[in-house]
């Protein structure tokens, strides 16, 4: 889930559609590309983990899931109402309780949660050959029919229950029937596949973006892409070999879903973050420029006063040396001040672009 937030953070810079980042050097584009390519697997890995361990639906688990979704939506609605961005209405409450403010992922995963007993029963009853044939058929339909030919709309480029079910069954199949074969491979092999596919995506995406435009780039980087599925599976297999136990990681994981729900609320980003970041960024820029002008004014007065004092002394040669040293220190301070100013302006511009 943290990778989902990282992916959304990159997309918040309006990348790669244009704007701030497209005017930056090539190395900035490659850096953002790499971050997106290692984060694009987030949703697929989340569903693969569910399939790997298997969803055991209970009323308590369903209640906790729905409570968290509704609670986060109501909190955002309350904040929007308090700041005057929205008016309290029945439709607002209805949308919160019917999960219409949680984005596409929550309804799709909720349907997978409800369908999981059927999928678990199929996995328990079907043999290895049957499951392999079904998976090949489904992923050919998704990769060729939906991703390339775009004739199967039900897959919805990976944003659907059908794609989630394919990933769920894939994880179950690999764990049940392929682990003995995969045990011969080192864990570093799966990590190499993960980063290798990410770098390949950076290359393909850069060619598509600069050669054909952002539309083709966005069509390539989809959850239903066979390379994205392979990359997600490789990351899952790598971490199945690792032994991790951290309370901090568990807390971050639990809190990340709440942040995701807040981020997905339709009114949160344009109303709250836009006012805070855009307005605050403009005020901060004005304050920065005023402080810079005052600093330069004081530096000029201080330098002139220092030169007058030194020039009136008895040792003119020593005074000239001291005056030269002071002017050198003053010029160095100006350079450092200018560099800090540029760094702060760049950071503030990035904050405004994110809003």
Protein backbone atom coordinates (compact mmCIF):
# COMPACT_ATOMS: atom_id res chain seq x y z
CA UNK A 1 0.00 0.00 0.00
CA UNK A 2 2.94 2.32 0.62
CA UNK A 3 3.98 1.76 -3.00
CA UNK A 4 0.50 2.86 -4.08
CA UNK A 5 1.04 6.15 -2.23
CA UNK A 6 4.45 6.50 -3.85
CA UNK A 7 2.88 5.94 -7.26
CA UNK A 8 0.21 8.56 -6.56
CA UNK A 9 2.87 11.00 -5.36
CA UNK A 10 4.66 10.72 -8.71
CA UNK A 11 1.42 11.17 -10.61
CA UNK A 12 0.57 14.22 -8.51
CA UNK A 13 3.31 16.11 -10.36
CA UNK A 14 1.17 15.72 -13.51
CA UNK A 15 3.82 13.42 -14.89
CA UNK A 16 4.21 12.41 -17.69
CA UNK A 17 1.42 14.53 -19.22
CA UNK A 18 3.48 17.74 -19.03
CA UNK A 19 3.89 20.71 -16.75
CA UNK A 20 6.69 21.15 -14.28
CA UNK A 21 8.61 17.91 -14.83
CA UNK A 22 8.66 18.03 -18.63
CA UNK A 23 10.77 21.19 -18.43
CA UNK A 24 13.39 19.49 -16.26
CA UNK A 25 16.58 17.73 -17.42
CA UNK A 26 16.50 14.18 -18.73
CA UNK A 27 17.92 12.77 -15.49
CA UNK A 28 14.84 14.05 -13.61
CA UNK A 29 12.56 12.28 -16.08
CA UNK A 30 14.54 9.04 -15.73
CA UNK A 31 14.39 9.28 -11.94
CA UNK A 32 10.62 9.74 -11.89
CA UNK A 33 10.25 6.98 -14.49
CA UNK A 34 12.21 4.55 -12.35
CA UNK A 35 10.21 5.40 -9.23
CA UNK A 36 6.96 4.80 -11.11
CA UNK A 37 8.19 1.55 -12.66
CA UNK A 38 9.09 0.04 -9.30
CA UNK A 39 5.78 1.23 -7.83
CA UNK A 40 3.49 0.23 -10.69
CA UNK A 41 3.33 -3.32 -9.25
CA UNK A 42 1.73 -2.14 -6.00
CA UNK A 43 -1.88 -3.15 -6.67
CA UNK A 44 -0.92 -6.44 -8.31
CA UNK A 45 1.36 -7.37 -5.41
CA UNK A 46 -1.41 -6.54 -2.93
CA UNK A 47 -3.79 -8.92 -4.68
CA UNK A 48 -1.11 -11.58 -5.15
CA UNK A 49 -0.40 -11.53 -1.41
CA UNK A 50 -4.12 -12.05 -0.77
CA UNK A 51 -4.08 -15.04 -3.10
CA UNK A 52 -0.83 -16.41 -1.68
CA UNK A 53 -2.19 -16.67 1.85
CA UNK A 54 -5.83 -17.00 0.81
CA UNK A 55 -8.70 -14.81 1.91
CA UNK A 56 -10.76 -16.35 4.70
CA UNK A 57 -13.81 -14.07 4.78
CA UNK A 58 -15.55 -13.49 8.10
CA UNK A 59 -18.22 -11.05 9.16
CA UNK A 60 -15.77 -9.44 11.57
CA UNK A 61 -13.17 -8.95 8.85
CA UNK A 62 -15.78 -7.52 6.49
CA UNK A 63 -17.04 -5.17 9.20
CA UNK A 64 -13.54 -3.87 9.97
CA UNK A 65 -12.85 -3.27 6.29
CA UNK A 66 -16.10 -1.40 5.72
CA UNK A 67 -15.76 0.58 8.96
CA UNK A 68 -12.33 1.89 8.00
CA UNK A 69 -13.51 2.90 4.51
CA UNK A 70 -16.63 4.69 5.77
CA UNK A 71 -14.84 6.30 8.72
CA UNK A 72 -12.11 7.85 6.53
CA UNK A 73 -14.71 9.16 4.08
CA UNK A 74 -16.74 10.75 6.88
CA UNK A 75 -13.65 12.36 8.41
CA UNK A 76 -12.72 13.96 5.08
CA UNK A 77 -16.32 15.09 4.57
CA UNK A 78 -16.35 16.66 8.04
CA UNK A 79 -13.10 18.55 7.37
CA UNK A 80 -14.37 19.77 4.01
CA UNK A 81 -17.57 20.97 5.69
CA UNK A 82 -15.67 22.74 8.48
CA UNK A 83 -13.43 24.66 6.05
CA UNK A 84 -16.43 25.57 3.91
CA UNK A 85 -15.36 23.57 0.86
CA UNK A 86 -18.56 21.47 0.82
CA UNK A 87 -22.04 21.68 2.24
CA UNK A 88 -23.41 19.00 4.52
CA UNK A 89 -26.06 17.03 2.65
CA UNK A 90 -27.74 13.66 2.51
CA UNK A 91 -26.00 12.85 -0.77
CA UNK A 92 -22.61 13.34 0.91
CA UNK A 93 -23.49 10.84 3.63
CA UNK A 94 -24.98 8.44 1.09
CA UNK A 95 -21.79 8.48 -0.98
CA UNK A 96 -19.71 7.85 2.13
CA UNK A 97 -21.73 4.84 3.28
CA UNK A 98 -21.93 3.34 -0.23
CA UNK A 99 -18.14 3.58 -0.79
CA UNK A 100 -18.49 6.00 -3.71
CA UNK A 101 -15.70 8.17 -2.28
CA UNK A 102 -13.06 5.44 -2.09
CA UNK A 103 -12.02 5.11 -5.72
CA UNK A 104 -12.07 2.00 -7.89
CA UNK A 105 -9.85 -0.27 -5.76
CA UNK A 106 -12.05 -0.67 -2.69
CA UNK A 107 -15.21 -1.89 -4.53
CA UNK A 108 -13.13 -4.27 -6.67
CA UNK A 109 -11.31 -5.73 -3.68
CA UNK A 110 -14.56 -5.96 -1.73
CA UNK A 111 -16.03 -8.08 -4.53
CA UNK A 112 -12.91 -10.27 -4.48
CA UNK A 113 -13.37 -10.63 -0.72
CA UNK A 114 -16.95 -11.82 -1.25
CA UNK A 115 -15.97 -14.11 -4.15
CA UNK A 116 -13.00 -15.67 -2.36
CA UNK A 117 -14.95 -18.72 -0.98
CA UNK A 118 -15.80 -19.72 -4.56
CA UNK A 119 -12.20 -19.24 -5.71
CA UNK A 120 -10.89 -21.19 -2.71
CA UNK A 121 -13.28 -24.07 -3.40
CA UNK A 122 -12.17 -24.17 -7.07
CA UNK A 123 -8.49 -24.26 -6.09
CA UNK A 124 -9.12 -27.08 -3.62
CA UNK A 125 -11.06 -29.19 -6.14
CA UNK A 126 -9.24 -28.63 -9.45
CA UNK A 127 -6.02 -30.45 -10.30
CA UNK A 128 -2.77 -28.85 -11.43
CA UNK A 129 -3.37 -29.33 -15.17
CA UNK A 130 -6.83 -27.81 -15.05
CA UNK A 131 -5.67 -24.78 -13.10
CA UNK A 132 -2.74 -24.28 -15.48
CA UNK A 133 -5.02 -24.32 -18.53
CA UNK A 134 -7.47 -21.91 -16.95
CA UNK A 135 -4.69 -19.49 -15.99
CA UNK A 136 -3.13 -19.60 -19.45
CA UNK A 137 -6.51 -18.92 -21.03
CA UNK A 138 -7.28 -16.03 -18.69
CA UNK A 139 -3.92 -14.32 -19.01
CA UNK A 140 -3.86 -14.73 -22.80
CA UNK A 141 -7.30 -13.11 -22.88
CA UNK A 142 -6.08 -10.30 -20.61
CA UNK A 143 -2.68 -9.75 -22.23
CA UNK A 144 -3.62 -10.16 -25.89
CA UNK A 145 -7.35 -9.60 -26.00
CA UNK A 146 -7.61 -6.76 -23.46
CA UNK A 147 -4.14 -5.20 -23.30
CA UNK A 148 -3.15 -5.38 -26.97
CA UNK A 149 -6.35 -5.75 -29.00
CA UNK A 150 -8.61 -4.07 -26.43
CA UNK A 151 -11.60 -6.30 -27.19
CA UNK A 152 -12.34 -7.58 -23.67
CA UNK A 153 -13.58 -4.58 -21.74
CA UNK A 154 -14.33 -6.63 -18.60
CA UNK A 155 -10.63 -6.73 -17.71
CA UNK A 156 -10.60 -2.90 -17.73
CA UNK A 157 -6.78 -2.77 -18.01
CA UNK A 158 -6.39 -4.42 -14.61
CA UNK A 159 -8.84 -2.17 -12.77
CA UNK A 160 -11.51 -4.82 -12.24
CA UNK A 161 -12.65 -7.83 -10.27
CA UNK A 162 -11.81 -10.14 -13.20
CA UNK A 163 -8.16 -9.07 -13.18
CA UNK A 164 -8.06 -9.43 -9.40
CA UNK A 165 -9.43 -12.98 -9.68
CA UNK A 166 -6.73 -13.87 -12.24
CA UNK A 167 -3.99 -12.64 -9.89
CA UNK A 168 -5.58 -14.43 -6.93
CA UNK A 169 -5.65 -17.75 -8.79
CA UNK A 170 -2.11 -17.22 -10.09
CA UNK A 171 -0.73 -16.81 -6.56
CA UNK A 172 -2.62 -19.89 -5.36
CA UNK A 173 -1.33 -21.95 -8.29
CA UNK A 174 2.31 -20.92 -7.82
CA UNK A 175 2.25 -21.66 -4.12
CA UNK A 176 0.56 -25.04 -4.50
CA UNK A 177 2.32 -26.48 -7.53
CA UNK A 178 5.42 -24.47 -8.49
CA UNK A 179 7.27 -23.86 -5.24
CA UNK A 180 9.45 -27.04 -5.49
CA UNK A 181 10.72 -25.92 -8.92
CA UNK A 182 11.20 -22.32 -7.85
CA UNK A 183 13.09 -23.42 -4.74
CA UNK A 184 16.11 -24.19 -6.93
CA UNK A 185 16.44 -20.52 -7.83
CA UNK A 186 18.12 -18.00 -5.58
CA UNK A 187 16.12 -15.13 -4.14
CA UNK A 188 18.45 -12.67 -5.89
CA UNK A 189 17.20 -14.05 -9.21
CA UNK A 190 13.69 -12.76 -8.51
CA UNK A 191 15.05 -9.40 -7.38
CA UNK A 192 17.03 -9.20 -10.62
CA UNK A 193 13.86 -9.86 -12.62
CA UNK A 194 12.01 -7.16 -10.69
CA UNK A 195 14.59 -4.43 -11.31
CA UNK A 196 15.35 -5.70 -14.81
CA UNK A 197 11.72 -5.36 -15.84
CA UNK A 198 11.59 -1.92 -14.18
CA UNK A 199 14.60 -0.74 -16.22
CA UNK A 200 13.08 -2.24 -19.36
CA UNK A 201 9.90 -0.30 -18.62
CA UNK A 202 11.93 2.90 -18.21
CA UNK A 203 13.50 2.34 -21.64
CA UNK A 204 10.24 1.46 -23.38
CA UNK A 205 8.35 4.22 -21.60
CA UNK A 206 10.94 6.86 -22.48
CA UNK A 207 10.86 5.88 -26.15
CA UNK A 208 7.06 5.92 -26.13
CA UNK A 209 6.88 9.25 -24.27
CA UNK A 210 9.41 11.24 -26.28
CA UNK A 211 8.71 9.50 -29.58
CA UNK A 212 4.93 9.17 -29.61
CA UNK A 213 3.58 11.20 -26.68
CA UNK A 214 2.22 10.62 -23.19
CA UNK A 215 -0.95 8.84 -24.41
CA UNK A 216 0.99 5.83 -25.68
CA UNK A 217 3.14 5.90 -22.54
CA UNK A 218 0.06 5.63 -20.32
CA UNK A 219 -1.34 2.78 -22.43
CA UNK A 220 1.85 0.78 -21.93
CA UNK A 221 2.06 1.22 -18.15
CA UNK A 222 -1.09 -0.60 -17.08
CA UNK A 223 -1.77 -3.20 -14.40
CA UNK A 224 -2.84 -5.71 -17.06
CA UNK A 225 0.52 -5.53 -18.83
CA UNK A 226 2.20 -8.96 -18.85
CA UNK A 227 5.49 -7.32 -17.83
CA UNK A 228 3.84 -5.66 -14.83
CA UNK A 229 2.31 -9.01 -13.78
CA UNK A 230 5.71 -10.72 -14.12
CA UNK A 231 7.40 -7.96 -12.15
CA UNK A 232 4.80 -8.18 -9.35
CA UNK A 233 5.13 -11.97 -9.13
CA UNK A 234 8.94 -11.72 -8.97
CA UNK A 235 8.74 -9.26 -6.08
CA UNK A 236 6.31 -11.51 -4.22
CA UNK A 237 8.55 -14.57 -4.70
CA UNK A 238 11.57 -12.62 -3.48
CA UNK A 239 9.91 -11.62 -0.21
CA UNK A 240 8.61 -15.15 0.41
CA UNK A 241 12.28 -16.07 0.93
CA UNK A 242 12.83 -13.27 3.45
CA UNK A 243 12.10 -13.29 7.16
CA UNK A 244 10.85 -9.91 8.27
CA UNK A 245 9.33 -8.91 11.59
CA UNK A 246 8.87 -5.22 12.33
CA UNK A 247 6.22 -3.42 14.33
CA UNK A 248 7.09 -0.19 12.55
CA UNK A 249 6.48 -1.72 9.12
CA UNK A 250 3.13 -3.08 10.28
CA UNK A 251 2.08 0.34 11.58
CA UNK A 252 3.14 2.04 8.37
CA UNK A 253 1.22 -0.56 6.35
CA UNK A 254 -1.91 -0.09 8.45
CA UNK A 255 -1.70 3.70 8.25
CA UNK A 256 -0.99 3.70 4.51
CA UNK A 257 -4.45 2.39 3.71
CA UNK A 258 -6.03 5.23 5.66
CA UNK A 259 -3.85 7.73 3.78
CA UNK A 260 -4.86 6.09 0.51
CA UNK A 261 -8.55 6.40 1.37
CA UNK A 262 -8.08 10.07 2.20
CA UNK A 263 -6.15 10.64 -1.01
CA UNK A 264 -8.87 8.95 -3.09
CA UNK A 265 -11.68 11.10 -1.75
CA UNK A 266 -12.99 13.22 -4.68
CA UNK A 267 -13.02 16.44 -2.68
CA UNK A 268 -9.83 16.04 -0.67
CA UNK A 269 -7.10 16.87 -3.12
CA UNK A 270 -8.54 19.82 -5.06
CA UNK A 271 -10.15 21.43 -2.01
CA UNK A 272 -7.80 20.83 0.90
CA UNK A 273 -4.39 20.20 -0.59
CA UNK A 274 -4.92 22.79 -3.28
CA UNK A 275 -5.68 25.53 -0.74
CA UNK A 276 -2.89 24.54 1.62
CA UNK A 277 -0.12 23.91 -0.90
CA UNK A 278 -0.96 26.43 -3.60
CA UNK A 279 -1.91 29.29 -1.31
CA UNK A 280 0.80 28.51 1.22
CA UNK A 281 3.38 28.18 -1.55
CA UNK A 282 2.55 31.64 -2.95
CA UNK A 283 2.80 33.26 0.51
CA UNK A 284 6.06 31.46 1.18
CA UNK A 285 7.52 32.68 -2.12
CA UNK A 286 6.64 36.32 -1.32
CA UNK A 287 8.17 35.97 2.15
CA UNK A 288 11.27 34.40 0.64
CA UNK A 289 11.77 37.23 -1.86
CA UNK A 290 11.26 39.89 0.86
CA UNK A 291 13.80 38.19 3.12
CA UNK A 292 16.24 37.96 0.23
CA UNK A 293 15.95 41.67 -0.55
CA UNK A 294 16.41 42.58 3.12
CA UNK A 295 19.43 40.29 3.40
CA UNK A 296 21.06 41.87 0.38
CA UNK A 297 20.34 45.38 1.71
CA UNK A 298 21.86 44.59 5.12
CA UNK A 299 24.86 42.90 3.54
CA UNK A 300 25.51 45.99 1.40
CA UNK A 301 25.29 48.36 4.37
CA UNK A 302 27.43 46.12 6.53
CA UNK A 303 30.12 45.85 3.85
CA UNK A 304 30.29 49.62 3.30
CA UNK A 305 30.45 50.30 7.05
CA UNK A 306 33.22 47.73 7.47
CA UNK A 307 35.26 49.24 4.62
CA UNK A 308 34.94 52.75 6.11
CA UNK A 309 36.13 51.56 9.50
CA UNK A 310 39.08 49.66 8.09
CA UNK A 311 40.04 52.46 5.66
CA UNK A 312 40.36 55.00 8.46
CA UNK A 313 42.87 52.89 10.40
CA UNK A 314 46.61 53.62 10.67
CA UNK A 315 47.80 50.56 8.71
CA UNK A 316 46.51 51.12 5.18
CA UNK A 317 48.19 47.99 3.74
CA UNK A 318 46.80 45.73 6.43
CA UNK A 319 43.46 47.48 6.06
CA UNK A 320 43.39 46.76 2.34
CA UNK A 321 44.16 43.07 3.01
CA UNK A 322 41.47 42.87 5.70
CA UNK A 323 39.00 44.70 3.46
CA UNK A 324 39.72 42.25 0.64
CA UNK A 325 39.16 39.30 2.98
CA UNK A 326 35.89 40.76 4.20
CA UNK A 327 34.72 41.41 0.65
CA UNK A 328 35.60 37.80 -0.21
CA UNK A 329 33.58 36.53 2.76
CA UNK A 330 30.70 38.82 1.77
CA UNK A 331 30.75 37.52 -1.83
CA UNK A 332 30.81 33.95 -0.57
CA UNK A 333 27.79 34.65 1.65
CA UNK A 334 25.95 36.13 -1.35
CA UNK A 335 26.66 33.02 -3.40
CA UNK A 336 25.47 30.72 -0.62
CA UNK A 337 22.37 32.87 -0.11
CA UNK A 338 21.64 32.76 -3.83
CA UNK A 339 22.03 28.97 -3.91
CA UNK A 340 19.72 28.56 -0.91
CA UNK A 341 17.20 30.84 -2.58
CA UNK A 342 17.22 28.79 -5.76
CA UNK A 343 16.84 25.55 -3.82
CA UNK A 344 13.89 26.93 -1.83
CA UNK A 345 12.21 28.30 -4.96
CA UNK A 346 12.57 24.91 -6.66
CA UNK A 347 11.06 23.14 -3.66
CA UNK A 348 8.18 25.59 -3.49
CA UNK A 349 7.54 25.26 -7.22
CA UNK A 350 7.38 21.49 -6.82
CA UNK A 351 4.87 21.88 -3.99
CA UNK A 352 2.69 24.15 -6.12
CA UNK A 353 2.85 21.73 -9.04
CA UNK A 354 1.77 18.87 -6.78
CA UNK A 355 -1.37 20.77 -5.81
